[in-house]
C-alpha atoms as a PDB file:
ATOM      1  CA  MET A   1     -14.698   9.036-145.983  1.00  0.00           C
ATOM      2  CA  SER A   2     -13.538  11.886-143.830  1.00  0.00           C
ATOM      3  CA  SER A   3     -15.439  15.103-143.607  1.00  0.00           C
ATOM      4  CA  THR A   4     -14.814  18.555-142.181  1.00  0.00           C
ATOM      5  CA  SER A   5     -17.334  20.452-140.120  1.00  0.00           C
ATOM      6  CA  ASP A   6     -18.701  23.736-141.352  1.00  0.00           C
ATOM      7  CA  PRO A   7     -18.887  26.204-138.447  1.00  0.00           C
ATOM      8  CA  THR A   8     -21.569  28.141-140.265  1.00  0.00           C
ATOM      9  CA  SER A   9     -23.875  25.140-140.026  1.00  0.00           C
ATOM     10  CA  ASP A  10     -22.828  23.867-136.584  1.00  0.00           C
ATOM     11  CA  PRO A  11     -25.154  25.263-133.893  1.00  0.00           C
ATOM     12  CA  THR A  12     -22.722  24.188-131.169  1.00  0.00           C
ATOM     13  CA  SER A  13     -19.799  26.164-132.576  1.00  0.00           C
ATOM     14  CA  GLU A  14     -18.455  28.614-129.939  1.00  0.00           C
ATOM     15  CA  THR A  15     -17.104  31.061-132.524  1.00  0.00           C
ATOM     16  CA  PRO A  16     -19.678  32.770-134.713  1.00  0.00           C
ATOM     17  CA  ALA A  17     -18.552  32.559-138.339  1.00  0.00           C
ATOM     18  CA  THR A  18     -18.706  35.669-140.470  1.00  0.00           C
ATOM     19  CA  ASN A  19     -17.096  36.938-143.600  1.00  0.00           C
ATOM     20  CA  ASN A  20     -14.846  39.142-141.441  1.00  0.00           C
ATOM     21  CA  GLY A  21     -13.628  36.430-139.025  1.00  0.00           C
ATOM     22  CA  PRO A  22     -14.693  35.737-135.421  1.00  0.00           C
ATOM     23  CA  TRP A  23     -16.285  38.436-133.252  1.00  0.00           C
ATOM     24  CA  PRO A  24     -16.588  41.334-135.727  1.00  0.00           C
ATOM     25  CA  SER A  25     -17.041  44.769-134.222  1.00  0.00           C
ATOM     26  CA  THR A  26     -20.784  44.800-134.870  1.00  0.00           C
ATOM     27  CA  ILE A  27     -21.318  41.583-132.902  1.00  0.00           C
ATOM     28  CA  ALA A  28     -18.944  42.640-130.095  1.00  0.00           C
ATOM     29  CA  GLN A  29     -20.761  45.926-129.687  1.00  0.00           C
ATOM     30  CA  SER A  30     -24.148  44.257-129.777  1.00  0.00           C
ATOM     31  CA  MET A  31     -23.188  42.191-126.703  1.00  0.00           C
ATOM     32  CA  ARG A  32     -23.652  45.262-124.497  1.00  0.00           C
ATOM     33  CA  ALA A  33     -25.996  48.142-125.062  1.00  0.00           C
ATOM     34  CA  ASP A  34     -23.710  50.594-123.228  1.00  0.00           C
ATOM     35  CA  VAL A  35     -20.529  50.024-125.246  1.00  0.00           C
ATOM     36  CA  VAL A  36     -18.407  53.180-125.604  1.00  0.00           C
ATOM     37  CA  PRO A  37     -16.447  53.024-128.892  1.00  0.00           C
ATOM     38  CA  LEU A  38     -12.785  54.076-128.848  1.00  0.00           C
ATOM     39  CA  GLY A  39     -11.731  55.798-132.022  1.00  0.00           C
ATOM     40  CA  ALA A  40      -8.864  58.031-132.924  1.00  0.00           C
ATOM     41  CA  ASP A  41     -10.344  60.712-130.660  1.00  0.00           C
ATOM     42  CA  VAL A  42     -11.224  59.444-127.204  1.00  0.00           C
ATOM     43  CA  GLY A  43     -14.443  61.137-126.224  1.00  0.00           C
ATOM     44  CA  GLU A  44     -15.583  62.561-122.921  1.00  0.00           C
ATOM     45  CA  GLU A  45     -17.715  59.520-122.109  1.00  0.00           C
ATOM     46  CA  ALA A  46     -14.804  57.148-122.748  1.00  0.00           C
ATOM     47  CA  MET A  47     -12.602  59.148-120.404  1.00  0.00           C
ATOM     48  CA  ARG A  48     -15.324  59.107-117.766  1.00  0.00           C
ATOM     49  CA  VAL A  49     -15.504  55.321-117.978  1.00  0.00           C
ATOM     50  CA  LEU A  50     -11.718  55.096-117.751  1.00  0.00           C
ATOM     51  CA  TYR A  51     -11.477  57.341-114.692  1.00  0.00           C
ATOM     52  CA  ALA A  52     -14.339  55.565-112.932  1.00  0.00           C
ATOM     53  CA  SER A  53     -12.727  52.174-113.598  1.00  0.00           C
ATOM     54  CA  VAL A  54      -9.399  53.293-112.187  1.00  0.00           C
ATOM     55  CA  LEU A  55     -11.096  54.605-109.051  1.00  0.00           C
ATOM     56  CA  ARG A  56     -12.890  51.281-108.617  1.00  0.00           C
ATOM     57  CA  LEU A  57      -9.519  49.514-108.898  1.00  0.00           C
ATOM     58  CA  TRP A  58      -8.185  51.637-106.030  1.00  0.00           C
ATOM     59  CA  ASP A  59     -11.278  50.688-104.030  1.00  0.00           C
ATOM     60  CA  VAL A  60     -10.445  47.021-104.603  1.00  0.00           C
ATOM     61  CA  VAL A  61      -6.847  47.568-103.477  1.00  0.00           C
ATOM     62  CA  ASP A  62      -8.058  49.450-100.399  1.00  0.00           C
ATOM     63  CA  ASP A  63     -10.489  46.664 -99.490  1.00  0.00           C
ATOM     64  CA  LEU A  64      -7.815  44.001 -99.903  1.00  0.00           C
ATOM     65  CA  SER A  65      -5.396  45.957 -97.691  1.00  0.00           C
ATOM     66  CA  ARG A  66      -7.941  45.713 -94.866  1.00  0.00           C
ATOM     67  CA  LEU A  67      -7.278  41.978 -94.683  1.00  0.00           C
ATOM     68  CA  ARG A  68      -4.646  41.684 -91.961  1.00  0.00           C
ATOM     69  CA  PRO A  69      -3.561  38.742 -89.815  1.00  0.00           C
ATOM     70  CA  GLU A  70      -4.883  39.029 -86.268  1.00  0.00           C
ATOM     71  CA  ARG A  71      -1.414  38.229 -85.000  1.00  0.00           C
ATOM     72  CA  SER A  72       1.594  39.472 -86.975  1.00  0.00           C
ATOM     73  CA  ALA A  73       4.385  36.991 -87.503  1.00  0.00           C
ATOM     74  CA  ALA A  74       7.173  39.408 -86.582  1.00  0.00           C
ATOM     75  CA  TYR A  75       7.710  42.916 -85.239  1.00  0.00           C
ATOM     76  CA  SER A  76       9.009  44.976 -88.173  1.00  0.00           C
ATOM     77  CA  VAL A  77      10.820  48.306 -87.966  1.00  0.00           C
ATOM     78  CA  SER A  78      11.158  50.400 -91.115  1.00  0.00           C
ATOM     79  CA  ILE A  79      14.284  52.549 -91.165  1.00  0.00           C
ATOM     80  CA  PHE A  80      14.336  55.493 -93.592  1.00  0.00           C
ATOM     81  CA  GLY A  81      17.461  57.460 -94.411  1.00  0.00           C
ATOM     82  CA  SER A  82      19.838  58.923 -96.967  1.00  0.00           C
ATOM     83  CA  ALA A  83      21.280  56.877 -99.826  1.00  0.00           C
ATOM     84  CA  ARG A  84      24.339  59.184 -99.903  1.00  0.00           C
ATOM     85  CA  ILE A  85      26.013  58.314 -96.601  1.00  0.00           C
ATOM     86  CA  THR A  86      29.169  56.229 -97.016  1.00  0.00           C
ATOM     87  CA  PRO A  87      30.295  53.297 -94.844  1.00  0.00           C
ATOM     88  CA  GLY A  88      32.599  54.171 -91.996  1.00  0.00           C
ATOM     89  CA  CYS A  89      31.106  57.541 -91.031  1.00  0.00           C
ATOM     90  CA  LYS A  90      29.406  58.038 -87.660  1.00  0.00           C
ATOM     91  CA  GLU A  91      25.857  58.068 -89.047  1.00  0.00           C
ATOM     92  CA  TYR A  92      26.452  54.812 -90.908  1.00  0.00           C
ATOM     93  CA  GLU A  93      27.878  53.053 -87.871  1.00  0.00           C
ATOM     94  CA  ASP A  94      25.107  54.350 -85.595  1.00  0.00           C
ATOM     95  CA  ILE A  95      22.331  53.026 -87.843  1.00  0.00           C
ATOM     96  CA  LYS A  96      24.181  49.770 -88.309  1.00  0.00           C
ATOM     97  CA  ARG A  97      24.317  49.350 -84.515  1.00  0.00           C
ATOM     98  CA  LEU A  98      20.634  50.261 -84.177  1.00  0.00           C
ATOM     99  CA  ALA A  99      19.590  47.623 -86.709  1.00  0.00           C
ATOM    100  CA  ALA A 100      21.893  44.976 -85.245  1.00  0.00           C
ATOM    101  CA  THR A 101      20.351  45.482 -81.804  1.00  0.00           C
ATOM    102  CA  LEU A 102      16.823  45.196 -83.187  1.00  0.00           C
ATOM    103  CA  ALA A 103      17.512  42.111 -85.306  1.00  0.00           C
ATOM    104  CA  ARG A 104      19.380  40.382 -82.485  1.00  0.00           C
ATOM    105  CA  LYS A 105      16.271  40.626 -80.310  1.00  0.00           C
ATOM    106  CA  GLY A 106      13.856  39.316 -82.940  1.00  0.00           C
ATOM    107  CA  CYS A 107      12.784  42.372 -84.919  1.00  0.00           C
ATOM    108  CA  THR A 108      12.671  42.482 -88.712  1.00  0.00           C
ATOM    109  CA  VAL A 109      14.490  45.490 -90.178  1.00  0.00           C
ATOM    110  CA  VAL A 110      12.905  46.958 -93.323  1.00  0.00           C
ATOM    111  CA  THR A 111      14.619  49.526 -95.555  1.00  0.00           C
ATOM    112  CA  GLY A 112      14.468  50.859 -99.093  1.00  0.00           C
ATOM    113  CA  GLY A 113      17.097  48.284-100.027  1.00  0.00           C
ATOM    114  CA  GLY A 114      19.508  50.822-101.475  1.00  0.00           C
ATOM    115  CA  PRO A 115      22.914  52.234-100.476  1.00  0.00           C
ATOM    116  CA  GLY A 116      23.813  54.653 -97.688  1.00  0.00           C
ATOM    117  CA  LEU A 117      21.894  54.418 -94.430  1.00  0.00           C
ATOM    118  CA  MET A 118      19.587  51.821 -95.962  1.00  0.00           C
ATOM    119  CA  GLN A 119      22.607  49.595 -96.471  1.00  0.00           C
ATOM    120  CA  ALA A 120      23.817  50.381 -92.948  1.00  0.00           C
ATOM    121  CA  ALA A 121      20.514  49.126 -91.521  1.00  0.00           C
ATOM    122  CA  ASN A 122      20.497  45.974 -93.657  1.00  0.00           C
ATOM    123  CA  GLU A 123      24.140  45.277 -92.787  1.00  0.00           C
ATOM    124  CA  GLY A 124      23.391  45.677 -89.099  1.00  0.00           C
ATOM    125  CA  ALA A 125      20.383  43.370 -89.363  1.00  0.00           C
ATOM    126  CA  ARG A 126      22.485  40.657 -90.989  1.00  0.00           C
ATOM    127  CA  GLU A 127      25.155  41.011 -88.306  1.00  0.00           C
ATOM    128  CA  GLY A 128      22.595  40.966 -85.512  1.00  0.00           C
ATOM    129  CA  ALA A 129      20.814  37.869 -86.831  1.00  0.00           C
ATOM    130  CA  PRO A 130      23.220  36.041 -89.165  1.00  0.00           C
ATOM    131  CA  ASP A 131      21.071  32.891 -89.151  1.00  0.00           C
ATOM    132  CA  HIS A 132      17.917  34.828 -90.040  1.00  0.00           C
ATOM    133  CA  PRO A 133      18.419  36.625 -93.371  1.00  0.00           C
ATOM    134  CA  GLU A 134      14.656  37.207 -93.538  1.00  0.00           C
ATOM    135  CA  ARG A 135      15.096  39.830 -90.794  1.00  0.00           C
ATOM    136  CA  SER A 136      16.849  42.090 -93.317  1.00  0.00           C
ATOM    137  CA  VAL A 137      14.237  43.275 -95.839  1.00  0.00           C
ATOM    138  CA  GLY A 138      14.571  45.674 -98.769  1.00  0.00           C
ATOM    139  CA  ILE A 139      11.620  47.355-100.494  1.00  0.00           C
ATOM    140  CA  ARG A 140      13.172  49.011-103.515  1.00  0.00           C
ATOM    141  CA  ILE A 141      11.917  51.503-106.080  1.00  0.00           C
ATOM    142  CA  ALA A 142      12.980  50.897-109.685  1.00  0.00           C
ATOM    143  CA  LEU A 143      15.033  53.960-110.710  1.00  0.00           C
ATOM    144  CA  GLU A 144      17.296  54.231-113.742  1.00  0.00           C
ATOM    145  CA  PHE A 145      19.968  56.212-111.917  1.00  0.00           C
ATOM    146  CA  GLU A 146      20.121  54.106-108.739  1.00  0.00           C
ATOM    147  CA  GLN A 147      22.059  50.892-108.320  1.00  0.00           C
ATOM    148  CA  GLY A 148      20.449  47.578-107.464  1.00  0.00           C
ATOM    149  CA  VAL A 149      19.636  46.218-104.044  1.00  0.00           C
ATOM    150  CA  ASN A 150      22.467  46.324-101.491  1.00  0.00           C
ATOM    151  CA  PRO A 151      24.251  43.026-100.712  1.00  0.00           C
ATOM    152  CA  PHE A 152      22.940  42.752 -97.138  1.00  0.00           C
ATOM    153  CA  VAL A 153      19.251  42.387 -98.043  1.00  0.00           C
ATOM    154  CA  GLY A 154      17.908  38.934 -97.242  1.00  0.00           C
ATOM    155  CA  GLU A 155      14.369  39.415 -98.574  1.00  0.00           C
ATOM    156  CA  PHE A 156      13.745  41.701-101.517  1.00  0.00           C
ATOM    157  CA  PHE A 157      10.741  43.442-103.102  1.00  0.00           C
ATOM    158  CA  GLU A 158      10.668  45.927-105.978  1.00  0.00           C
ATOM    159  CA  HIS A 159       8.036  48.509-106.899  1.00  0.00           C
ATOM    160  CA  ARG A 160       7.571  50.660-109.979  1.00  0.00           C
ATOM    161  CA  THR A 161       5.831  53.500-108.150  1.00  0.00           C
ATOM    162  CA  PHE A 162       6.590  55.406-104.956  1.00  0.00           C
ATOM    163  CA  PHE A 163       2.930  55.126-103.994  1.00  0.00           C
ATOM    164  CA  SER A 164       2.831  51.321-103.932  1.00  0.00           C
ATOM    165  CA  ARG A 165       6.248  51.195-102.255  1.00  0.00           C
ATOM    166  CA  LEU A 166       5.158  53.509 -99.434  1.00  0.00           C
ATOM    167  CA  HIS A 167       1.962  51.506 -99.067  1.00  0.00           C
ATOM    168  CA  HIS A 168       4.068  48.361 -98.678  1.00  0.00           C
ATOM    169  CA  PHE A 169       6.137  50.016 -95.933  1.00  0.00           C
ATOM    170  CA  VAL A 170       2.978  51.040 -94.098  1.00  0.00           C
ATOM    171  CA  LEU A 171       1.427  47.580 -94.291  1.00  0.00           C
ATOM    172  CA  ARG A 172       4.641  45.932 -93.153  1.00  0.00           C
ATOM    173  CA  SER A 173       5.728  48.106 -90.233  1.00  0.00           C
ATOM    174  CA  ASN A 174       5.141  48.120 -86.481  1.00  0.00           C
ATOM    175  CA  ALA A 175       7.429  51.139 -85.991  1.00  0.00           C
ATOM    176  CA  PHE A 176       9.249  53.721 -88.110  1.00  0.00           C
ATOM    177  CA  VAL A 177      12.685  55.215 -87.532  1.00  0.00           C
ATOM    178  CA  VAL A 178      13.632  58.243 -89.638  1.00  0.00           C
ATOM    179  CA  THR A 179      17.365  58.934 -89.805  1.00  0.00           C
ATOM    180  CA  PRO A 180      19.214  61.797 -91.549  1.00  0.00           C
ATOM    181  CA  GLY A 181      18.195  62.087 -95.186  1.00  0.00           C
ATOM    182  CA  GLY A 182      16.991  64.281 -98.009  1.00  0.00           C
ATOM    183  CA  ILE A 183      13.775  64.862 -99.927  1.00  0.00           C
ATOM    184  CA  GLY A 184      12.882  61.179-100.289  1.00  0.00           C
ATOM    185  CA  THR A 185      13.317  60.605 -96.568  1.00  0.00           C
ATOM    186  CA  ALA A 186      11.216  63.699 -95.828  1.00  0.00           C
ATOM    187  CA  LEU A 187       8.461  62.319 -98.082  1.00  0.00           C
ATOM    188  CA  GLU A 188       8.437  59.046 -96.167  1.00  0.00           C
ATOM    189  CA  LEU A 189       8.386  60.884 -92.828  1.00  0.00           C
ATOM    190  CA  MET A 190       5.502  63.141 -93.827  1.00  0.00           C
ATOM    191  CA  THR A 191       3.469  60.278 -95.278  1.00  0.00           C
ATOM    192  CA  VAL A 192       3.653  58.277 -92.061  1.00  0.00           C
ATOM    193  CA  TRP A 193       3.033  61.379 -89.923  1.00  0.00           C
ATOM    194  CA  GLN A 194      -0.095  62.235 -91.917  1.00  0.00           C
ATOM    195  CA  LEU A 195      -1.426  58.640 -91.714  1.00  0.00           C
ATOM    196  CA  LEU A 196      -0.992  58.740 -87.943  1.00  0.00           C
ATOM    197  CA  GLN A 197      -2.675  62.149 -87.819  1.00  0.00           C
ATOM    198  CA  VAL A 198      -5.845  60.866 -89.532  1.00  0.00           C
ATOM    199  CA  ARG A 199      -5.657  57.519 -87.689  1.00  0.00           C
ATOM    200  CA  LYS A 200      -5.167  55.370 -90.749  1.00  0.00           C
ATOM    201  CA  LEU A 201      -2.238  54.158 -88.640  1.00  0.00           C
ATOM    202  CA  THR A 202      -2.496  53.671 -84.883  1.00  0.00           C
ATOM    203  CA  LEU A 203      -0.221  52.402 -82.115  1.00  0.00           C
ATOM    204  CA  THR A 204       2.808  52.814 -84.388  1.00  0.00           C
ATOM    205  CA  PRO A 205       5.807  54.804 -83.099  1.00  0.00           C
ATOM    206  CA  LEU A 206       7.319  57.364 -85.461  1.00  0.00           C
ATOM    207  CA  ILE A 207      10.831  58.099 -84.222  1.00  0.00           C
ATOM    208  CA  LEU A 208      12.948  60.905 -85.709  1.00  0.00           C
ATOM    209  CA  VAL A 209      16.673  60.567 -85.044  1.00  0.00           C
ATOM    210  CA  GLY A 210      18.910  63.608 -85.312  1.00  0.00           C
ATOM    211  CA  GLU A 211      18.897  67.363 -84.944  1.00  0.00           C
ATOM    212  CA  MET A 212      17.659  68.012 -88.500  1.00  0.00           C
ATOM    213  CA  TRP A 213      14.284  66.394 -87.845  1.00  0.00           C
ATOM    214  CA  GLU A 214      13.935  68.077 -84.460  1.00  0.00           C
ATOM    215  CA  LYS A 215      14.377  71.393 -86.277  1.00  0.00           C
ATOM    216  CA  LEU A 216      11.685  70.353 -88.775  1.00  0.00           C
ATOM    217  CA  VAL A 217       9.220  69.655 -85.968  1.00  0.00           C
ATOM    218  CA  ASP A 218      10.164  72.984 -84.350  1.00  0.00           C
ATOM    219  CA  TRP A 219       9.360  74.680 -87.682  1.00  0.00           C
ATOM    220  CA  ALA A 220       5.978  72.913 -87.768  1.00  0.00           C
ATOM    221  CA  ARG A 221       5.204  74.057 -84.241  1.00  0.00           C
ATOM    222  CA  MET A 222       6.120  77.626 -85.138  1.00  0.00           C
ATOM    223  CA  TYR A 223       4.067  77.892 -88.312  1.00  0.00           C
ATOM    224  CA  MET A 224       1.278  75.315 -87.934  1.00  0.00           C
ATOM    225  CA  SER A 225       0.150  75.746 -84.328  1.00  0.00           C
ATOM    226  CA  ALA A 226      -2.266  78.410 -83.155  1.00  0.00           C
ATOM    227  CA  SER A 227      -1.077  81.818 -82.064  1.00  0.00           C
ATOM    228  CA  GLU A 228      -2.613  85.231 -81.553  1.00  0.00           C
ATOM    229  CA  SER A 229      -2.149  86.120 -85.200  1.00  0.00           C
ATOM    230  CA  ALA A 230      -2.282  82.736 -86.973  1.00  0.00           C
ATOM    231  CA  ILE A 231      -4.766  80.009 -87.681  1.00  0.00           C
ATOM    232  CA  ALA A 232      -4.009  76.549 -86.273  1.00  0.00           C
ATOM    233  CA  TYR A 233      -3.132  74.322 -89.213  1.00  0.00           C
ATOM    234  CA  ALA A 234      -2.434  71.438 -86.839  1.00  0.00           C
ATOM    235  CA  THR A 235      -3.319  70.669 -83.235  1.00  0.00           C
ATOM    236  CA  THR A 236      -0.826  70.245 -80.413  1.00  0.00           C
ATOM    237  CA  GLN A 237      -1.628  66.536 -80.298  1.00  0.00           C
ATOM    238  CA  GLU A 238      -0.913  66.160 -84.026  1.00  0.00           C
ATOM    239  CA  LEU A 239       2.411  67.967 -83.699  1.00  0.00           C
ATOM    240  CA  ASP A 240       3.343  65.716 -80.777  1.00  0.00           C
ATOM    241  CA  ILE A 241       3.022  62.523 -82.865  1.00  0.00           C
ATOM    242  CA  PRO A 242       6.729  62.168 -83.778  1.00  0.00           C
ATOM    243  CA  HIS A 243       9.209  61.160 -81.074  1.00  0.00           C
ATOM    244  CA  CYS A 244      12.260  63.381 -81.615  1.00  0.00           C
ATOM    245  CA  VAL A 245      15.521  61.930 -80.272  1.00  0.00           C
ATOM    246  CA  LEU A 246      19.168  62.779 -80.771  1.00  0.00           C
ATOM    247  CA  THR A 247      20.697  59.297 -80.445  1.00  0.00           C
ATOM    248  CA  VAL A 248      19.954  55.789 -81.663  1.00  0.00           C
ATOM    249  CA  ASP A 249      20.056  54.584 -78.052  1.00  0.00           C
ATOM    250  CA  GLU A 250      16.984  56.715 -77.321  1.00  0.00           C
ATOM    251  CA  ALA A 251      15.304  55.225 -80.380  1.00  0.00           C
ATOM    252  CA  ILE A 252      16.110  51.714 -79.149  1.00  0.00           C
ATOM    253  CA  ASP A 253      14.513  52.512 -75.767  1.00  0.00           C
ATOM    254  CA  ILE A 254      11.257  53.660 -77.424  1.00  0.00           C
ATOM    255  CA  ILE A 255      11.109  50.605 -79.679  1.00  0.00           C
ATOM    256  CA  ALA A 256      11.920  48.331 -76.731  1.00  0.00           C
ATOM    257  CA  ARG A 257       8.846  49.517 -74.842  1.00  0.00           C
ATOM    258  CA  ASP A 258       6.619  49.123 -77.888  1.00  0.00           C
ATOM    259  CA  PHE A 259       8.104  45.727 -78.730  1.00  0.00           C
ATOM    260  CA  ASP A 260       7.415  44.497 -75.193  1.00  0.00           C
ATOM    261  CA  ALA A 261       3.776  45.593 -75.468  1.00  0.00           C
ATOM    262  CA  TRP A 262       3.510  43.872 -78.861  1.00  0.00           C
ATOM    263  CA  PHE A 263       5.216  40.741 -77.555  1.00  0.00           C
ATOM    264  CA  SER A 264       2.890  40.378 -74.574  1.00  0.00           C
ATOM    265  CA  SER A 265      -0.313  41.127 -76.500  1.00  0.00           C
ATOM    266  CA  PRO A 266      -2.443  38.075 -77.396  1.00  0.00           C
ATOM    267  CA  THR A 267      -3.561  39.695 -80.652  1.00  0.00           C
ATOM    268  CA  LEU A 268      -0.806  42.076 -81.733  1.00  0.00           C
ATOM    269  CA  GLY A 269       2.231  39.853 -81.833  1.00  0.00           C
ATOM    270  CA  GLY A 270       4.754  37.789 -79.979  1.00  0.00           C
ATOM    271  CA  VAL A 271       7.244  35.407 -81.526  1.00  0.00           C
ATOM    272  CA  GLU A 272       7.750  32.005 -79.966  1.00  0.00           C
ATOM    273  CA  GLY A 273      11.270  31.613 -78.651  1.00  0.00           C
ATOM    274  CA  GLU A 274      12.095  35.323 -78.579  1.00  0.00           C
ATOM    275  CA  ALA A 275      12.628  37.294 -75.378  1.00  0.00           C
ATOM    276  CA  PRO A 276      11.141  40.745 -74.766  1.00  0.00           C
ATOM    277  CA  LEU A 277      13.524  43.393 -76.059  1.00  0.00           C
ATOM    278  CA  SER A 278      13.785  45.216 -72.733  1.00  0.00           C
ATOM    279  CA  ALA A 279      14.875  41.988 -71.019  1.00  0.00           C
ATOM    280  CA  CYS A 280      18.003  41.684 -73.137  1.00  0.00           C
END
């Protein structure tokens, strides 16, 4: 004769049986003495617990980001620029040529994955290294009003927040090139500049291409450096962090020197089978 077990009489049962079903609120709360109940009105203590938990999550992310390979697999250059530039114009063709030169010599080109100068860089990377689509990377932000990833991206990532996207750029990059752009490009420039200022980034060139960025640095020197009547908001060394150039050829020369140092370093990089950039 078959029989059914009664969980109320089985001491090995994992689910306590009650009239209200498994794990009623009284039992769940009794498991910890410091439980903070969440009702219709979230109290001050509940909010404190929530804020503290979020901060601890950021600490975990920060700790994990400290784990880096001793030797990076490839030299990556992030190229920031406007999404509004159309193919065929001088700026587009210049950035396309810049990226093609870098990819041809073994660099990975990283962009925001969108249109405009981001597309120009990805297109150049694919032309420079047609057998290595992984050298054309897009790190996109999910926006309702922006189209999907451009067709020249070989490796694609998507983020929901600008914060995590910028963090991804920083973790991925050995050098940054800032080309003509708007507010989003300025945000990326300033983020990298500030990380270099406080030495959260080191040995990473920040190259600003074009007159508009040179004028921005001139503005910073005028209003942030010390004078007889003004406080120094930034030191001369901090204002000298960006390399301001007018042409992509000058940018290529700066990256070539840094790439050669990376290539020859026993701990910073070097890719088997690739020649130093300055030798090509």
